[in-house]
Amino acid sequence: MSIELKEKELVGGKRKRELIAVYIPKEKKVALEAWAASEERSVSWIVAKLIDQALCSRQQQQEGSDNDN
């Protein structure tokens, strides 16, 4: 998997966001597109929410392991 990171200023005074380009298998892209369409969202929105959930879960796991020590 290849990841590219770029800084991008969004229009309309919104805060800066980072751009990550990820290469995934076609079948996963198709599945993400179908999911996004079914929720009337963009693929980018779906992926951003998945990343948020994964990072939150990781943080909770790390905090739990810190409390065990």
N, C-alpha and C. Protein backbone atom coordinates (compact mmCIF):
# COMPACT_ATOMS: atom_id res chain seq x y z
N MET A 1 0.85 -1.17 0.00
CA MET A 1 0.00 0.00 0.00
C MET A 1 0.90 1.23 0.00
N SER A 2 0.53 2.23 -0.80
CA SER A 2 1.30 3.47 -0.89
C SER A 2 0.46 4.62 -0.36
N ILE A 3 1.08 5.52 0.40
CA ILE A 3 0.36 6.65 0.98
C ILE A 3 1.10 7.93 0.63
N GLU A 4 0.35 8.95 0.21
CA GLU A 4 0.92 10.25 -0.11
C GLU A 4 0.23 11.28 0.78
N LEU A 5 1.01 12.19 1.38
CA LEU A 5 0.46 13.18 2.30
C LEU A 5 0.76 14.57 1.77
N LYS A 6 -0.27 15.40 1.65
CA LYS A 6 -0.12 16.78 1.19
C LYS A 6 -0.96 17.69 2.06
N GLU A 7 -0.49 18.91 2.28
CA GLU A 7 -1.27 19.91 3.00
C GLU A 7 -2.14 20.64 1.99
N LYS A 8 -3.39 20.89 2.33
CA LYS A 8 -4.30 21.55 1.41
C LYS A 8 -5.14 22.56 2.17
N GLU A 9 -5.21 23.78 1.66
CA GLU A 9 -6.06 24.83 2.24
C GLU A 9 -7.43 24.72 1.56
N LEU A 10 -8.48 24.57 2.34
CA LEU A 10 -9.81 24.48 1.78
C LEU A 10 -10.39 25.88 1.59
N VAL A 11 -11.34 26.00 0.69
CA VAL A 11 -11.95 27.27 0.32
C VAL A 11 -12.99 27.68 1.37
N GLY A 12 -13.24 28.95 1.47
CA GLY A 12 -14.32 29.44 2.33
C GLY A 12 -13.93 29.62 3.77
N GLY A 13 -12.65 29.79 4.05
CA GLY A 13 -12.21 30.04 5.41
C GLY A 13 -12.21 28.82 6.32
N LYS A 14 -12.45 27.64 5.75
CA LYS A 14 -12.41 26.44 6.57
C LYS A 14 -10.97 26.13 6.96
N ARG A 15 -10.81 25.38 8.03
CA ARG A 15 -9.47 25.06 8.50
C ARG A 15 -8.71 24.17 7.52
N LYS A 16 -7.42 24.14 7.68
CA LYS A 16 -6.58 23.31 6.82
C LYS A 16 -6.85 21.84 7.10
N ARG A 17 -6.80 21.06 6.07
CA ARG A 17 -6.93 19.61 6.16
C ARG A 17 -5.75 19.00 5.44
N GLU A 18 -5.45 17.78 5.75
CA GLU A 18 -4.38 17.05 5.10
C GLU A 18 -4.98 16.09 4.08
N LEU A 19 -4.28 15.89 2.99
CA LEU A 19 -4.71 14.96 1.95
C LEU A 19 -3.84 13.73 2.02
N ILE A 20 -4.47 12.56 2.06
CA ILE A 20 -3.76 11.29 2.02
C ILE A 20 -4.30 10.51 0.83
N ALA A 21 -3.42 10.13 -0.07
CA ALA A 21 -3.81 9.30 -1.21
C ALA A 21 -3.39 7.87 -0.91
N VAL A 22 -4.31 6.94 -1.03
CA VAL A 22 -4.05 5.54 -0.71
C VAL A 22 -4.42 4.67 -1.90
N TYR A 23 -3.56 3.74 -2.23
CA TYR A 23 -3.85 2.78 -3.29
C TYR A 23 -4.45 1.53 -2.65
N ILE A 24 -5.65 1.17 -3.12
CA ILE A 24 -6.34 -0.01 -2.58
C ILE A 24 -6.83 -0.86 -3.76
N PRO A 25 -7.13 -2.13 -3.50
CA PRO A 25 -7.67 -2.97 -4.56
C PRO A 25 -9.01 -2.44 -5.07
N LYS A 26 -9.26 -2.68 -6.35
CA LYS A 26 -10.47 -2.16 -6.98
C LYS A 26 -11.74 -2.59 -6.24
N GLU A 27 -11.79 -3.85 -5.78
CA GLU A 27 -13.01 -4.32 -5.12
C GLU A 27 -13.29 -3.56 -3.83
N LYS A 28 -12.24 -3.12 -3.14
CA LYS A 28 -12.45 -2.33 -1.93
C LYS A 28 -12.93 -0.93 -2.28
N LYS A 29 -12.42 -0.37 -3.37
CA LYS A 29 -12.88 0.94 -3.82
C LYS A 29 -14.36 0.88 -4.20
N VAL A 30 -14.73 -0.15 -4.92
CA VAL A 30 -16.13 -0.33 -5.33
C VAL A 30 -17.03 -0.45 -4.10
N ALA A 31 -16.58 -1.22 -3.11
CA ALA A 31 -17.36 -1.38 -1.88
C ALA A 31 -17.51 -0.04 -1.15
N LEU A 32 -16.42 0.74 -1.08
CA LEU A 32 -16.50 2.06 -0.44
C LEU A 32 -17.45 2.99 -1.19
N GLU A 33 -17.40 2.94 -2.51
CA GLU A 33 -18.29 3.78 -3.33
C GLU A 33 -19.76 3.41 -3.10
N ALA A 34 -20.03 2.11 -3.01
CA ALA A 34 -21.41 1.66 -2.78
C ALA A 34 -21.88 2.11 -1.38
N TRP A 35 -21.01 1.97 -0.40
CA TRP A 35 -21.34 2.39 0.97
C TRP A 35 -21.62 3.89 1.00
N ALA A 36 -20.75 4.67 0.38
CA ALA A 36 -20.91 6.12 0.35
C ALA A 36 -22.22 6.51 -0.34
N ALA A 37 -22.51 5.87 -1.46
CA ALA A 37 -23.75 6.17 -2.19
C ALA A 37 -24.98 5.84 -1.36
N SER A 38 -24.92 4.72 -0.63
CA SER A 38 -26.08 4.31 0.17
C SER A 38 -26.35 5.27 1.32
N GLU A 39 -25.33 6.00 1.76
CA GLU A 39 -25.50 6.97 2.85
C GLU A 39 -25.50 8.41 2.35
N GLU A 40 -25.52 8.57 1.03
CA GLU A 40 -25.48 9.90 0.40
C GLU A 40 -24.32 10.73 0.94
N ARG A 41 -23.15 10.11 1.01
CA ARG A 41 -21.91 10.74 1.46
C ARG A 41 -20.84 10.51 0.41
N SER A 42 -19.73 11.19 0.57
CA SER A 42 -18.60 10.95 -0.33
C SER A 42 -17.74 9.82 0.23
N VAL A 43 -16.97 9.21 -0.65
CA VAL A 43 -16.02 8.18 -0.22
C VAL A 43 -15.05 8.80 0.78
N SER A 44 -14.62 10.03 0.52
CA SER A 44 -13.71 10.72 1.40
C SER A 44 -14.29 10.85 2.81
N TRP A 45 -15.56 11.17 2.92
CA TRP A 45 -16.21 11.31 4.23
C TRP A 45 -16.23 9.97 4.96
N ILE A 46 -16.60 8.90 4.24
CA ILE A 46 -16.64 7.56 4.83
C ILE A 46 -15.26 7.17 5.36
N VAL A 47 -14.23 7.37 4.53
CA VAL A 47 -12.87 6.99 4.93
C VAL A 47 -12.40 7.84 6.11
N ALA A 48 -12.69 9.13 6.10
CA ALA A 48 -12.30 9.99 7.22
C ALA A 48 -12.94 9.52 8.52
N LYS A 49 -14.21 9.12 8.47
CA LYS A 49 -14.89 8.63 9.68
C LYS A 49 -14.28 7.31 10.14
N LEU A 50 -13.93 6.43 9.22
CA LEU A 50 -13.29 5.17 9.59
C LEU A 50 -11.93 5.41 10.25
N ILE A 51 -11.19 6.37 9.73
CA ILE A 51 -9.89 6.72 10.32
C ILE A 51 -10.10 7.28 11.73
N ASP A 52 -11.08 8.16 11.89
CA ASP A 52 -11.38 8.72 13.22
C ASP A 52 -11.69 7.60 14.22
N GLN A 53 -12.54 6.65 13.80
CA GLN A 53 -12.92 5.55 14.69
C GLN A 53 -11.71 4.69 15.04
N ALA A 54 -10.87 4.39 14.05
CA ALA A 54 -9.69 3.56 14.29
C ALA A 54 -8.71 4.25 15.24
N LEU A 55 -8.50 5.54 15.05
CA LEU A 55 -7.58 6.28 15.92
C LEU A 55 -8.12 6.37 17.35
N CYS A 56 -9.41 6.58 17.48
CA CYS A 56 -10.04 6.64 18.80
C CYS A 56 -9.91 5.29 19.50
N SER A 57 -10.17 4.22 18.79
CA SER A 57 -10.04 2.87 19.35
C SER A 57 -8.61 2.59 19.77
N ARG A 58 -7.65 2.98 18.95
CA ARG A 58 -6.23 2.78 19.29
C ARG A 58 -5.86 3.57 20.54
N GLN A 59 -6.34 4.80 20.62
CA GLN A 59 -6.03 5.63 21.79
C GLN A 59 -6.60 4.99 23.06
N GLN A 60 -7.81 4.48 22.98
CA GLN A 60 -8.42 3.83 24.15
C GLN A 60 -7.64 2.58 24.55
N GLN A 61 -7.17 1.81 23.57
CA GLN A 61 -6.37 0.62 23.87
C GLN A 61 -5.05 1.01 24.56
N GLN A 62 -4.44 2.06 24.04
CA GLN A 62 -3.17 2.51 24.62
C GLN A 62 -3.37 3.03 26.05
N GLU A 63 -4.45 3.75 26.27
CA GLU A 63 -4.73 4.26 27.61
C GLU A 63 -5.02 3.12 28.57
N GLY A 64 -5.70 2.08 28.07
CA GLY A 64 -5.98 0.91 28.88
C GLY A 64 -4.71 0.16 29.26
N SER A 65 -3.78 0.06 28.32
CA SER A 65 -2.54 -0.63 28.62
C SER A 65 -1.66 0.21 29.55
N ASP A 66 -1.76 1.53 29.46
CA ASP A 66 -1.02 2.40 30.38
C ASP A 66 -1.55 2.26 31.80
N ASN A 67 -2.84 2.08 31.94
CA ASN A 67 -3.45 1.93 33.28
C ASN A 67 -3.13 0.57 33.91
N ASP A 68 -2.80 -0.41 33.08
CA ASP A 68 -2.47 -1.75 33.59
C ASP A 68 -1.09 -1.77 34.24
N ASN A 69 -0.26 -0.80 33.94
CA ASN A 69 1.11 -0.79 34.48
C ASN A 69 1.18 -0.13 35.81
